[in-house]
Every structure is written in C-alpha cells, then in structure tokens.
Amino acid sequence: MKKIIITFFGVLLLGNMSCTNDLDTDPIVELTLEELLNRDPNAVQGIVSRLYGSFALSGPDGPESSDISDDAGESPFLRGILNLQDFTADGIKNRWGDDGLDQLTTTANWDENNKFFRYLYNRIYYTIPQCNNLLSVLDNVDTEDKDEVIAEVRFIRALAYYYLIDTFGKGVLATEENFGTSAPLPEATRAELYAYVESELLAVIETLPNTNDYGRANKAVGNMLLAKLYINAEVYTGTGKYTEALSAITKVITEGGYTLADSYVSVFSGDNNTSSEIIFPLIADAITSQSFGNTTYIVNGSSSSETMILADYGLTEGWGGHRASKGWYGLYGDLETTTDDRAALFFTEGHSYEMNDYKTWTDGYPSIKFRNTNALSSSSAPTQFSGTDFPLFRLADAYLMFTECAIRTNQNLGEALDYLNQVRVRANATPINTGDLTLDFVLDERARELNLEGHRRTDLIRFGKFTGNTYVWPWKGGVAAGTAIPDTYKLFPIPLQALEANLNLKQNNGY
C-alpha cells in the first residue's frame, strides 16, 4: 500500500485491498507516492479526486474494474450504503434475492457470511488506508494549499469511519501514524471510533475552505458530517449530543449559502449538478465515470420494461429490482388526491399497492424519484449508465435535522417549524402548525423527503423504531405483514473474512 501505480492518462491506481489481507497489500510498483508528488506536486489534486471517487466508483478502469477483491458491479460504496440503509428499512424492497440480498430486504437471518456486509466493510477499509497513505507523505511534499488538502483528506477518512461507526460499530483504528504496521491492529470500540472522528472533524473544519469545487468538501460539508455524528451520538455512545448537533447544523444552514431548489425532482435529475440545494454530491457521469454502483443502481434498479417505458427516464435498460412499499408511499395518504409532489414519484400503473410477494416486480410501486433525464434543460439520448449525481448531503436534510434537534432540546421551535414547512411547501404539501410539530411527524417527514438517500435505517434506530415490534413494516422479520426483530440488528455482523484476517476483532453481540 506504500506504493502505487501511475498511468499517465490522469488515472491513479491506489492498490487492491480488502479486509482479508489486514490492510497490507503490495500492488505492482512504478513510483512511490512520495516520488510522484515530489516529481509533480500538482498530481495531489488528481489523487484527492480519486479518493472522493472511491465512494461512487468501483475502480479506475470503468464499471468492470474494482479497487477491492470483490465483484465490481455489486460492491461499490454507495451501493452498499443503499443496500444496508434502505433495503433493511421500511421504504424500499429488492426482489432479486441473490446470495444474501434477501437477508437485507427482509431484515432476517443476518450472519457473518453475507457478502453484502463484506462489500461495505471492505470499501470502508479500502478508502481509509488510501487516505492514510497520502497523509503519511504530504508532510514531506511541497504542494499548493497543502493545509486545505490535508483537511480534505482527513474529512474523507472521517466520512468512511462514520459509516463504519453507524453500520458495524467497531473495527480497527488505522491512521497515518500506524500506516504500514505489519502486526494486526487492536479492536477499537464504537465509542473510541466516535471520539476519533469527532476530534478529526473539529480539527479540520476551520481549515476547510468556505467554498470548494463541486463535489469536494468545504466548511459546510464538514459541519454537516459533524452534525450527523452528533445527532446519532446517543445511539453510538449512550450520551446525547443534540445541542451540539443543533449548533453544527445551524452553521450549515446560515453560513453555507445553500437554498432549497424550486423543484423537488430537479434535485434527483440528470442536471442536478446545477442545484442550489446539494451540499455534497457523489458525482456520476454516463460516459466518463461509469459505475454499476452510483445512481445507475437506483435508476436502473427501479425500472423495468415489463411495466415502464425506459426512455421516459433516460434509460436503455431496466433491471427490475427495487420497489417502494406502503411503508413509504403510505405516508402520503391517498396518492390520487394528495397535493404533495413527492407522492407523484411512484410508478403505479400495472403495480399493486400491497407487497404480498416482494419477489414479484408488480407488487409495490417503483420509485421514480431518481431519473436519468434532465429537469431544467433538454435531455440527452438515453444511456446505459446514469449521469445523475447522488446528493449525499443536501439542505432539506439539514432543515429536518435542525427541526429534530430543536424539538429534542426544546429550543428554537419557531425556526424549526419554519424550516420544516419550507420543505413541505416546496413539495406543495400542506404546512403544519406548532401543535403538529412532534418527533413522530419529523420521522415521517424524513421518510417522505429523504427515502432512497441512505438515511432510513439510521433514522429508525435513532427514533427507537427499527428493532422490536413498536413499528413494523412489510416484510420486516421475513413476514409479509411485518414482525419484531431483535436489538442485535441495530448493528450488522462483522464479516467473517475480517474476523479471520485479524484475530483482535470480535463479532458483534448476537451473531
């Protein structure tokens, strides 16, 4: 991992790794990273871009290449986030059922051998060492805006660790300080990883630029991640940090310069790179950054020529995999009479309201929220891959986070009501009054606004409604009507290959 391959077409190969080789892989060598940067300090920008790309792309040579020793199509980072955050919750179900996907979509029979758990774990521990690699040599390289570059790389690493904390709860704490260590690293607890990510973000946010290139971190992006860490702190550590979350999210709203887009659907269309609302996107391009793991997975996976005209959504192929359940579209009331624009973003023709069989394409409504057509400009011809960027962080989420924290801390309730109603009015939904401003309403509004964006499982856990039988949804626990699942499921099992690679790691309780 200390050496990298350079191709002089602007593509950087940072080496192949997975949890099976304990963070230490030796790819083919042409130049050390330090030699490269000393020869061409400007190359650091391409390397940093490649680190950002690790969240959306499978590998450096197109959709069939992979940075890790896992399937290039199935294993990309964003695909893992959606599989583990949305399929396991109430809004989206997948019908393919291939080798472990059933376990996710039915929240049943989870175990350490499921490849989809391994995929995300491996992606996390691909991105982290790449960041450590770069950080370990930057002190010895003279490059422009070096302090900002270091802050960005530390943010990217913190983002990868955030997903580790949220999904698996523990792992090893790999940093530039122990980079290249041959001995297996000790296990770090969830609280230790939380403390590390918090300290990293607090250390770098003020160094991040106020504005940055599209798709790169600035102060607002850093504060958004910090707010997400704090809003979930009670789950992660047992100690609530809602006041701190409110402070961080306030900075995003008041200092970031973002505004809600006039059109909701424009945020999820092919020209969303112009959106005033997106704070931090994962960039996709139908030609130059093709991947089966970015929004291609959402758009193609939610479409099928069996019931739909694919060209209407800018597609040449539909995979017929994902449909929403009434756990999502049921929150809008009668889809025929509601004025809420978001309720129109389900394809109902030829589909049934009830999901009696999640493996039947026509049971449940496909979500057409994401599409590969433009909203504000003329669309290009349909393509195999999506060019729609994924809004990992956006302002509507920040508004709803503010509202939740205000209710939990009983402060700024007037502002909270205003922010929530701005989200609803943009969607042509009826504004609510103070008496309706409850945590349950906020949770439902987050589903109406944010489902299929990688938040739902985390939200349900934070609100105490993921496990147990307080709230059930279609196919929860493997039962059509839904049933209770154990508290064990608040974390995913550590993949078997990770346990075998590092005997210091212990399996999460209950698996």
Protein backbone atom coordinates (compact mmCIF):
# COMPACT_ATOMS: atom_id res chain seq x y z
CA MET A 1 0.00 0.00 0.00
CA LYS A 2 3.00 2.33 0.28
CA LYS A 3 3.48 2.12 -3.48
CA ILE A 4 1.08 2.98 -6.26
CA ILE A 5 0.74 2.53 -9.99
CA ILE A 6 0.53 5.66 -12.09
CA THR A 7 -0.89 5.74 -15.57
CA PHE A 8 -0.24 8.98 -17.35
CA PHE A 9 -3.78 9.39 -18.56
CA GLY A 10 -4.84 11.04 -15.33
CA VAL A 11 -5.89 7.78 -13.66
CA LEU A 12 -4.42 6.74 -10.33
CA LEU A 13 -4.48 3.15 -9.16
CA LEU A 14 -4.08 3.10 -5.40
CA GLY A 15 -3.77 -0.65 -4.94
CA ASN A 16 -6.07 -3.57 -4.30
CA MET A 17 -7.13 -4.36 -0.76
CA SER A 18 -9.82 -5.96 1.33
CA CYS A 19 -10.37 -6.90 4.94
CA THR A 20 -8.89 -10.32 4.18
CA ASN A 21 -5.33 -9.01 3.93
CA ASP A 22 -5.26 -6.88 7.07
CA LEU A 23 -4.67 -3.51 5.42
CA ASP A 24 -1.37 -4.51 3.82
CA THR A 25 -1.32 -5.18 0.07
CA ASP A 26 1.61 -4.83 -2.31
CA PRO A 27 0.49 -3.77 -5.79
CA ILE A 28 2.78 -3.53 -8.81
CA VAL A 29 5.29 -0.72 -8.28
CA GLU A 30 6.37 2.02 -10.62
CA LEU A 31 6.67 5.07 -8.37
CA THR A 32 6.28 5.61 -4.67
CA LEU A 33 3.63 8.15 -3.79
CA GLU A 34 6.31 10.44 -2.38
CA GLU A 35 8.38 10.17 -5.58
CA LEU A 36 5.34 11.02 -7.65
CA LEU A 37 4.41 14.08 -5.62
CA ASN A 38 7.96 15.36 -5.49
CA ARG A 39 8.13 15.00 -9.28
CA ASP A 40 4.70 16.59 -9.84
CA PRO A 41 3.16 18.28 -6.78
CA ASN A 42 0.04 19.12 -8.82
CA ALA A 43 -0.74 15.40 -9.01
CA VAL A 44 -2.12 15.64 -5.49
CA GLN A 45 -5.37 17.08 -6.85
CA GLY A 46 -5.92 14.03 -9.02
CA ILE A 47 -5.16 11.74 -6.09
CA VAL A 48 -7.65 13.57 -3.86
CA SER A 49 -10.29 13.36 -6.61
CA ARG A 50 -9.67 9.63 -6.76
CA LEU A 51 -10.31 9.39 -3.02
CA TYR A 52 -13.65 11.15 -3.43
CA GLY A 53 -14.42 8.79 -6.31
CA SER A 54 -13.98 5.78 -4.05
CA PHE A 55 -17.47 6.42 -2.67
CA ALA A 56 -19.20 6.12 -6.05
CA LEU A 57 -16.95 4.23 -8.47
CA SER A 58 -15.94 0.58 -8.36
CA GLY A 59 -12.44 1.03 -9.79
CA PRO A 60 -10.17 3.13 -12.02
CA ASP A 61 -10.82 1.42 -15.34
CA GLY A 62 -14.56 1.59 -15.75
CA PRO A 63 -17.54 -0.32 -14.38
CA GLU A 64 -15.92 -3.75 -14.69
CA SER A 65 -12.84 -2.79 -12.63
CA SER A 66 -12.67 -2.97 -8.86
CA ASP A 67 -10.39 -1.43 -6.25
CA ILE A 68 -11.03 -4.39 -3.97
CA SER A 69 -11.13 -8.13 -4.49
CA ASP A 70 -14.93 -8.16 -4.67
CA ASP A 71 -17.41 -8.05 -7.53
CA ALA A 72 -17.06 -4.74 -9.40
CA GLY A 73 -20.77 -4.42 -10.03
CA GLU A 74 -22.09 -5.37 -6.62
CA SER A 75 -19.52 -3.91 -4.24
CA PRO A 76 -19.25 -0.11 -4.77
CA PHE A 77 -19.50 2.03 -1.64
CA LEU A 78 -22.73 3.89 -2.47
CA ARG A 79 -24.43 0.67 -3.48
CA GLY A 80 -23.51 -0.73 -0.08
CA ILE A 81 -24.94 2.28 1.71
CA LEU A 82 -28.25 1.89 -0.11
CA ASN A 83 -28.39 -1.87 0.41
CA LEU A 84 -27.74 -1.63 4.13
CA GLN A 85 -29.62 1.59 4.88
CA ASP A 86 -32.70 1.43 2.66
CA PHE A 87 -33.39 -2.23 1.85
CA THR A 88 -33.18 -3.13 5.54
CA ALA A 89 -35.77 -0.47 6.44
CA ASP A 90 -39.40 0.18 5.57
CA GLY A 91 -39.31 2.10 2.30
CA ILE A 92 -37.58 0.01 -0.38
CA LYS A 93 -37.52 -3.72 -1.03
CA ASN A 94 -35.47 -5.63 -3.59
CA ARG A 95 -36.76 -8.69 -5.42
CA TRP A 96 -33.57 -10.31 -6.74
CA GLY A 97 -32.81 -12.32 -3.62
CA ASP A 98 -29.33 -13.28 -4.79
CA ASP A 99 -26.94 -14.75 -2.26
CA GLY A 100 -27.74 -12.64 0.79
CA LEU A 101 -29.83 -9.80 -0.62
CA ASP A 102 -32.96 -11.48 0.74
CA GLN A 103 -31.48 -11.21 4.22
CA LEU A 104 -31.31 -7.44 3.86
CA THR A 105 -34.70 -6.83 2.31
CA THR A 106 -36.47 -8.98 4.92
CA THR A 107 -34.28 -7.99 7.91
CA ALA A 108 -33.97 -11.67 8.73
CA ASN A 109 -31.28 -14.34 9.15
CA TRP A 110 -28.32 -11.96 9.13
CA ASP A 111 -24.95 -13.64 9.52
CA GLU A 112 -21.24 -13.00 9.08
CA ASN A 113 -21.11 -14.76 5.70
CA ASN A 114 -23.37 -12.33 3.86
CA LYS A 115 -21.30 -10.86 1.04
CA PHE A 116 -23.14 -7.54 1.15
CA PHE A 117 -21.86 -6.88 4.65
CA ARG A 118 -18.35 -7.74 3.46
CA TYR A 119 -18.62 -5.41 0.48
CA LEU A 120 -19.25 -2.30 2.58
CA TYR A 121 -16.70 -3.29 5.21
CA ASN A 122 -14.07 -3.78 2.51
CA ARG A 123 -14.89 -0.47 0.83
CA ILE A 124 -14.53 1.35 4.14
CA TYR A 125 -11.15 -0.28 4.70
CA TYR A 126 -10.08 0.49 1.17
CA THR A 127 -10.72 4.22 1.47
CA ILE A 128 -9.20 4.67 4.94
CA PRO A 129 -5.71 3.31 4.14
CA GLN A 130 -5.61 5.29 0.89
CA CYS A 131 -6.17 8.45 2.92
CA ASN A 132 -3.51 7.34 5.40
CA ASN A 133 -1.11 6.68 2.54
CA LEU A 134 -1.45 10.20 1.21
CA LEU A 135 -1.34 11.83 4.64
CA SER A 136 1.80 9.92 5.56
CA VAL A 137 3.82 11.60 2.79
CA LEU A 138 2.24 15.04 2.47
CA ASP A 139 4.40 16.49 5.23
CA ASN A 140 7.43 15.80 3.05
CA VAL A 141 5.96 17.29 -0.13
CA ASP A 142 5.68 20.94 -1.10
CA THR A 143 2.30 21.37 -2.81
CA GLU A 144 -0.10 24.27 -3.21
CA ASP A 145 -2.75 24.74 -0.47
CA LYS A 146 -1.31 21.79 1.40
CA ASP A 147 -3.16 22.51 4.65
CA GLU A 148 -6.50 22.51 2.84
CA VAL A 149 -5.61 19.31 1.01
CA ILE A 150 -4.72 17.62 4.29
CA ALA A 151 -8.02 18.80 5.79
CA GLU A 152 -9.95 17.37 2.85
CA VAL A 153 -8.23 14.00 3.08
CA ARG A 154 -8.91 13.83 6.80
CA PHE A 155 -12.57 14.64 6.07
CA ILE A 156 -12.78 11.81 3.51
CA ARG A 157 -11.27 9.42 6.06
CA ALA A 158 -13.73 10.64 8.71
CA LEU A 159 -16.63 10.05 6.33
CA ALA A 160 -15.53 6.44 5.79
CA TYR A 161 -15.18 5.95 9.54
CA TYR A 162 -18.64 7.47 10.08
CA TYR A 163 -20.18 4.68 8.01
CA LEU A 164 -18.16 2.11 9.96
CA ILE A 165 -19.45 3.52 13.25
CA ASP A 166 -23.01 3.55 12.01
CA THR A 167 -23.19 0.13 10.41
CA PHE A 168 -20.73 -2.21 12.14
CA GLY A 169 -19.98 -0.22 15.28
CA LYS A 170 -16.33 -1.22 15.58
CA GLY A 171 -13.21 -2.13 13.67
CA VAL A 172 -9.56 -1.11 13.79
CA LEU A 173 -8.39 2.47 14.08
CA ALA A 174 -6.00 2.82 11.16
CA THR A 175 -4.30 6.22 10.82
CA GLU A 176 -1.22 7.69 9.17
CA GLU A 177 0.54 7.13 12.49
CA ASN A 178 0.31 3.35 12.25
CA PHE A 179 0.20 3.13 8.45
CA GLY A 180 2.31 0.22 7.19
CA THR A 181 2.26 -1.60 10.52
CA SER A 182 2.52 -5.32 9.85
CA ALA A 183 1.05 -6.54 13.14
CA PRO A 184 -2.76 -6.73 13.32
CA LEU A 185 -4.19 -3.59 14.89
CA PRO A 186 -6.24 -3.81 18.09
CA GLU A 187 -10.01 -3.59 18.00
CA ALA A 188 -11.42 -0.10 18.52
CA THR A 189 -14.81 0.24 20.17
CA ARG A 190 -17.67 2.30 18.81
CA ALA A 191 -17.04 4.96 21.43
CA GLU A 192 -13.34 5.12 20.54
CA LEU A 193 -14.07 5.45 16.84
CA TYR A 194 -16.70 8.10 17.59
CA ALA A 195 -14.23 10.11 19.67
CA TYR A 196 -11.64 9.88 16.92
CA VAL A 197 -13.98 11.06 14.16
CA GLU A 198 -15.27 13.88 16.34
CA SER A 199 -11.73 15.05 17.08
CA GLU A 200 -10.75 14.83 13.41
CA LEU A 201 -13.70 16.90 12.24
CA LEU A 202 -13.21 19.51 14.95
CA ALA A 203 -9.55 19.74 13.94
CA VAL A 204 -10.12 20.22 10.21
CA ILE A 205 -13.40 22.11 9.72
CA GLU A 206 -11.89 25.55 10.14
CA THR A 207 -9.12 24.68 7.68
CA LEU A 208 -11.55 23.50 5.03
CA PRO A 209 -12.30 26.27 2.52
CA ASN A 210 -15.52 28.28 2.72
CA THR A 211 -16.21 27.25 -0.86
CA ASN A 212 -14.70 24.48 -2.93
CA ASP A 213 -15.08 22.78 -6.27
CA TYR A 214 -18.34 20.92 -6.79
CA GLY A 215 -18.12 17.50 -5.17
CA ARG A 216 -15.40 18.47 -2.70
CA ALA A 217 -15.57 19.26 0.99
CA ASN A 218 -15.92 22.77 2.37
CA LYS A 219 -16.77 24.02 5.86
CA ALA A 220 -20.49 23.30 5.38
CA VAL A 221 -19.75 19.72 4.32
CA GLY A 222 -17.55 19.22 7.38
CA ASN A 223 -20.19 20.67 9.70
CA MET A 224 -22.88 18.51 8.11
CA LEU A 225 -20.93 15.34 8.86
CA LEU A 226 -20.21 16.59 12.38
CA ALA A 227 -23.94 17.25 12.88
CA LYS A 228 -24.77 13.72 11.66
CA LEU A 229 -22.25 12.30 14.11
CA TYR A 230 -23.72 14.35 16.98
CA ILE A 231 -27.39 13.68 16.17
CA ASN A 232 -26.68 9.95 16.43
CA ALA A 233 -24.35 10.24 19.44
CA GLU A 234 -26.88 8.78 21.87
CA VAL A 235 -27.04 5.63 19.72
CA TYR A 236 -23.29 5.48 19.19
CA THR A 237 -22.10 6.29 22.73
CA GLY A 238 -25.10 6.40 25.06
CA THR A 239 -24.77 10.17 25.56
CA GLY A 240 -26.96 12.56 23.60
CA LYS A 241 -25.34 15.46 21.75
CA TYR A 242 -28.42 17.14 20.28
CA THR A 243 -27.38 20.62 21.38
CA GLU A 244 -24.03 20.16 19.66
CA ALA A 245 -25.79 18.79 16.58
CA LEU A 246 -28.06 21.85 16.53
CA SER A 247 -25.04 24.15 16.67
CA ALA A 248 -23.26 22.37 13.82
CA ILE A 249 -26.32 22.17 11.58
CA THR A 250 -27.08 25.85 12.21
CA LYS A 251 -23.70 26.70 10.71
CA VAL A 252 -24.54 24.64 7.62
CA ILE A 253 -27.83 26.48 7.18
CA THR A 254 -26.74 30.03 7.98
CA GLU A 255 -23.19 30.07 6.62
CA GLY A 256 -23.21 27.55 3.77
CA GLY A 257 -25.04 29.70 1.22
CA TYR A 258 -27.33 26.88 0.05
CA THR A 259 -31.01 27.29 -0.80
CA LEU A 260 -33.82 24.84 -1.45
CA ALA A 261 -34.26 24.10 -5.14
CA ASP A 262 -37.55 25.35 -6.55
CA SER A 263 -38.34 21.91 -7.91
CA TYR A 264 -38.05 18.80 -5.75
CA VAL A 265 -37.49 16.41 -8.64
CA SER A 266 -34.72 18.59 -10.03
CA VAL A 267 -32.54 17.52 -7.10
CA PHE A 268 -32.61 13.94 -8.43
CA SER A 269 -32.39 14.56 -12.18
CA GLY A 270 -29.55 14.41 -14.67
CA ASP A 271 -28.79 18.14 -14.44
CA ASN A 272 -28.75 18.26 -10.64
CA ASN A 273 -25.13 19.40 -10.73
CA THR A 274 -26.61 22.91 -11.02
CA SER A 275 -28.76 22.54 -7.89
CA SER A 276 -28.53 25.20 -5.19
CA GLU A 277 -29.56 22.62 -2.60
CA ILE A 278 -26.92 19.92 -2.87
CA ILE A 279 -24.22 20.39 -0.25
CA PHE A 280 -22.10 17.35 -1.05
CA PRO A 281 -22.70 15.09 -4.06
CA LEU A 282 -21.18 11.85 -5.21
CA ILE A 283 -20.57 12.65 -8.85
CA ALA A 284 -21.76 10.43 -11.70
CA ASP A 285 -21.29 10.76 -15.45
CA ALA A 286 -22.86 8.49 -18.05
CA ILE A 287 -19.66 8.47 -20.12
CA THR A 288 -16.57 9.34 -18.07
CA SER A 289 -17.39 7.87 -14.63
CA GLN A 290 -19.46 4.81 -15.33
CA SER A 291 -20.33 2.57 -12.42
CA PHE A 292 -22.92 -0.02 -11.52
CA GLY A 293 -22.77 1.41 -8.03
CA ASN A 294 -23.67 5.10 -8.26
CA THR A 295 -27.17 6.34 -9.19
CA THR A 296 -27.21 3.79 -12.02
CA TYR A 297 -28.02 1.28 -9.29
CA ILE A 298 -31.00 3.36 -8.17
CA VAL A 299 -32.39 4.42 -11.56
CA ASN A 300 -31.88 1.19 -13.50
CA GLY A 301 -32.67 -0.94 -10.48
CA SER A 302 -36.03 0.79 -10.01
CA SER A 303 -37.08 0.38 -13.64
CA SER A 304 -38.33 -2.41 -15.87
CA SER A 305 -39.65 -2.56 -19.40
CA GLU A 306 -42.26 -5.00 -18.05
CA THR A 307 -44.39 -2.08 -16.90
CA MET A 308 -42.49 1.10 -17.85
CA ILE A 309 -41.15 2.93 -20.90
CA LEU A 310 -37.46 3.12 -20.03
CA ALA A 311 -36.69 6.05 -22.33
CA ASP A 312 -39.05 8.21 -20.26
CA TYR A 313 -36.40 8.07 -17.53
CA GLY A 314 -33.34 8.32 -19.80
CA LEU A 315 -32.55 4.60 -19.73
CA THR A 316 -31.60 1.95 -22.22
CA GLU A 317 -32.02 -0.88 -19.74
CA GLY A 318 -34.02 -1.59 -16.61
CA TRP A 319 -33.06 -4.17 -14.04
CA GLY A 320 -36.45 -4.66 -12.41
CA GLY A 321 -35.21 -4.89 -8.83
CA HIS A 322 -36.38 -2.19 -6.40
CA ARG A 323 -39.89 -1.18 -5.43
CA ALA A 324 -41.15 1.01 -2.65
CA SER A 325 -43.59 -0.43 -0.12
CA LYS A 326 -46.54 1.18 1.62
CA GLY A 327 -44.11 1.89 4.45
CA TRP A 328 -43.04 4.79 2.23
CA TYR A 329 -45.87 5.76 -0.11
CA GLY A 330 -48.46 5.10 2.61
CA LEU A 331 -47.11 8.18 4.43
CA TYR A 332 -48.63 10.49 1.78
CA GLY A 333 -52.21 9.31 2.30
CA ASP A 334 -54.28 8.84 -0.84
CA LEU A 335 -51.83 9.09 -3.75
CA GLU A 336 -54.66 10.07 -6.08
CA THR A 337 -55.80 13.11 -4.10
CA THR A 338 -52.77 14.40 -2.21
CA THR A 339 -51.20 17.62 -3.44
CA ASP A 340 -47.73 16.54 -2.31
CA ASP A 341 -45.44 16.49 -5.37
CA ARG A 342 -43.34 13.77 -3.78
CA ALA A 343 -46.30 11.40 -3.81
CA ALA A 344 -46.33 11.51 -7.61
CA LEU A 345 -42.85 9.97 -7.75
CA PHE A 346 -44.04 6.39 -7.68
CA PHE A 347 -44.88 4.38 -10.77
CA THR A 348 -48.28 2.84 -10.05
CA GLU A 349 -49.62 1.66 -13.41
CA GLY A 350 -49.66 -2.13 -13.53
CA HIS A 351 -48.47 -2.38 -9.92
CA SER A 352 -50.34 -3.28 -6.75
CA TYR A 353 -50.40 -1.22 -3.57
CA GLU A 354 -49.76 -4.22 -1.33
CA MET A 355 -46.45 -6.05 -1.47
CA ASN A 356 -47.78 -9.56 -0.93
CA ASP A 357 -44.69 -11.05 -2.57
CA TYR A 358 -41.57 -8.91 -2.52
CA LYS A 359 -40.07 -11.04 -5.29
CA THR A 360 -42.86 -10.08 -7.70
CA TRP A 361 -42.00 -6.97 -9.72
CA THR A 362 -45.57 -5.71 -9.85
CA ASP A 363 -46.07 -5.92 -6.07
CA GLY A 364 -45.31 -2.45 -4.72
CA TYR A 365 -44.61 0.78 -6.58
CA PRO A 366 -41.20 1.53 -8.12
CA SER A 367 -39.80 4.89 -7.04
CA ILE A 368 -39.13 7.25 -9.97
CA LYS A 369 -37.64 9.90 -7.70
CA PHE A 370 -34.20 9.45 -9.27
CA ARG A 371 -34.05 9.57 -13.07
CA ASN A 372 -31.50 9.97 -15.84
CA THR A 373 -33.40 12.78 -17.59
CA ASN A 374 -32.90 16.49 -17.02
CA ALA A 375 -35.37 18.64 -15.12
CA LEU A 376 -34.22 22.14 -16.06
CA SER A 377 -32.73 21.62 -19.52
CA SER A 378 -33.22 19.41 -22.54
CA SER A 379 -32.22 15.79 -22.03
CA SER A 380 -29.67 13.80 -23.98
CA ALA A 381 -30.42 10.44 -25.54
CA PRO A 382 -30.99 7.55 -23.09
CA THR A 383 -27.82 5.91 -21.79
CA GLN A 384 -26.86 2.66 -20.11
CA PHE A 385 -25.35 4.44 -17.11
CA SER A 386 -26.81 7.27 -15.07
CA GLY A 387 -25.29 10.75 -15.14
CA THR A 388 -27.32 11.91 -12.12
CA ASP A 389 -25.24 12.86 -9.09
CA PHE A 390 -26.15 11.42 -5.69
CA PRO A 391 -26.92 14.11 -3.07
CA LEU A 392 -25.19 12.60 -0.04
CA PHE A 393 -25.78 15.84 1.91
CA ARG A 394 -28.45 18.39 0.99
CA LEU A 395 -30.17 21.36 2.58
CA ALA A 396 -33.60 19.77 3.12
CA ASP A 397 -31.92 17.15 5.28
CA ALA A 398 -30.19 19.93 7.23
CA TYR A 399 -33.56 21.66 7.79
CA LEU A 400 -35.12 18.45 9.11
CA MET A 401 -32.09 17.73 11.30
CA PHE A 402 -32.43 21.24 12.77
CA THR A 403 -36.10 20.61 13.43
CA GLU A 404 -35.46 17.31 15.18
CA CYS A 405 -32.70 18.75 17.38
CA ALA A 406 -34.84 21.76 18.25
CA ILE A 407 -37.66 19.51 19.45
CA ARG A 408 -35.30 17.25 21.39
CA THR A 409 -33.69 20.23 23.14
CA ASN A 410 -36.87 22.36 23.35
CA GLN A 411 -35.29 25.41 21.75
CA ASN A 412 -35.60 27.37 18.51
CA LEU A 413 -39.02 25.79 17.88
CA GLY A 414 -40.23 28.71 15.76
CA GLU A 415 -37.29 28.35 13.40
CA ALA A 416 -37.76 24.59 13.41
CA LEU A 417 -41.39 24.90 12.31
CA ASP A 418 -40.38 27.33 9.58
CA TYR A 419 -37.65 25.04 8.23
CA LEU A 420 -39.92 22.01 8.19
CA ASN A 421 -42.67 23.95 6.46
CA GLN A 422 -40.23 25.23 3.84
CA VAL A 423 -39.56 21.60 2.96
CA ARG A 424 -43.27 20.83 2.80
CA VAL A 425 -44.28 23.95 0.88
CA ARG A 426 -41.61 23.26 -1.74
CA ALA A 427 -43.36 19.90 -2.28
CA ASN A 428 -46.84 21.52 -2.36
CA ALA A 429 -47.72 19.75 0.90
CA THR A 430 -49.89 21.50 3.47
CA PRO A 431 -47.90 23.41 6.10
CA ILE A 432 -48.31 22.24 9.69
CA ASN A 433 -48.80 24.23 12.87
CA THR A 434 -46.96 24.16 16.17
CA GLY A 435 -49.27 21.52 17.63
CA ASP A 436 -48.24 19.07 14.91
CA LEU A 437 -44.52 19.59 15.45
CA THR A 438 -43.60 16.28 17.08
CA LEU A 439 -40.74 13.83 16.74
CA ASP A 440 -43.07 11.29 15.13
CA PHE A 441 -44.05 13.84 12.49
CA VAL A 442 -40.39 14.66 11.83
CA LEU A 443 -39.55 10.97 11.39
CA ASP A 444 -42.38 10.59 8.87
CA GLU A 445 -41.36 13.77 7.08
CA ARG A 446 -37.80 12.50 6.80
CA ALA A 447 -39.18 9.41 5.07
CA ARG A 448 -41.35 11.45 2.71
CA GLU A 449 -38.45 13.72 1.84
CA LEU A 450 -35.32 11.57 2.10
CA ASN A 451 -36.10 7.92 1.46
CA LEU A 452 -33.82 6.18 -1.04
CA GLU A 453 -31.00 8.53 0.02
CA GLY A 454 -29.27 6.24 2.52
CA HIS A 455 -30.71 7.58 5.80
CA ARG A 456 -33.70 5.47 6.78
CA ARG A 457 -32.21 2.64 8.87
CA THR A 458 -30.16 5.13 10.87
CA ASP A 459 -33.24 7.31 11.40
CA LEU A 460 -35.39 4.42 12.59
CA ILE A 461 -32.70 3.31 15.04
CA ARG A 462 -32.30 6.84 16.39
CA PHE A 463 -36.07 7.13 16.92
CA GLY A 464 -36.28 3.70 18.58
CA LYS A 465 -38.38 2.12 15.84
CA PHE A 466 -36.03 -0.18 13.93
CA THR A 467 -35.98 -3.26 16.17
CA GLY A 468 -38.72 -4.74 18.32
CA ASN A 469 -42.41 -4.51 17.42
CA THR A 470 -43.11 -0.85 18.15
CA TYR A 471 -43.16 -0.27 14.42
CA VAL A 472 -43.42 -2.97 11.77
CA TRP A 473 -43.41 -2.69 8.00
CA PRO A 474 -43.95 -5.05 5.06
CA TRP A 475 -41.53 -7.99 5.22
CA LYS A 476 -39.81 -6.86 8.40
CA GLY A 477 -38.51 -10.03 10.03
CA GLY A 478 -39.31 -12.08 6.92
CA VAL A 479 -43.10 -11.83 7.39
CA ALA A 480 -45.35 -10.16 4.82
CA ALA A 481 -47.21 -8.14 7.46
CA GLY A 482 -44.02 -7.46 9.42
CA THR A 483 -42.90 -8.72 12.80
CA ALA A 484 -40.44 -7.89 15.58
CA ILE A 485 -36.68 -8.21 15.05
CA PRO A 486 -34.07 -8.39 17.84
CA ASP A 487 -32.00 -5.45 19.10
CA THR A 488 -28.97 -7.33 17.74
CA TYR A 489 -29.95 -5.94 14.33
CA LYS A 490 -29.07 -2.38 15.31
CA LEU A 491 -25.59 -3.40 14.12
CA PHE A 492 -24.51 -5.61 11.25
CA PRO A 493 -22.30 -8.63 11.86
CA ILE A 494 -18.56 -8.18 11.31
CA PRO A 495 -17.76 -10.11 8.10
CA LEU A 496 -16.15 -13.50 8.63
CA GLN A 497 -13.16 -12.65 6.43
CA ALA A 498 -12.38 -9.64 8.63
CA LEU A 499 -12.51 -11.78 11.75
CA GLU A 500 -10.22 -14.36 10.18
CA ALA A 501 -7.76 -11.69 9.00
CA ASN A 502 -7.44 -10.04 12.39
CA LEU A 503 -7.99 -12.16 15.48
CA ASN A 504 -8.18 -8.99 17.59
CA LEU A 505 -11.63 -8.36 16.13
CA LYS A 506 -14.58 -9.90 17.94
CA GLN A 507 -18.03 -10.48 16.50
CA ASN A 508 -20.86 -8.14 17.45
CA ASN A 509 -23.17 -9.50 20.14
CA GLY A 510 -25.89 -11.85 18.98
CA TYR A 511 -24.21 -13.17 15.83
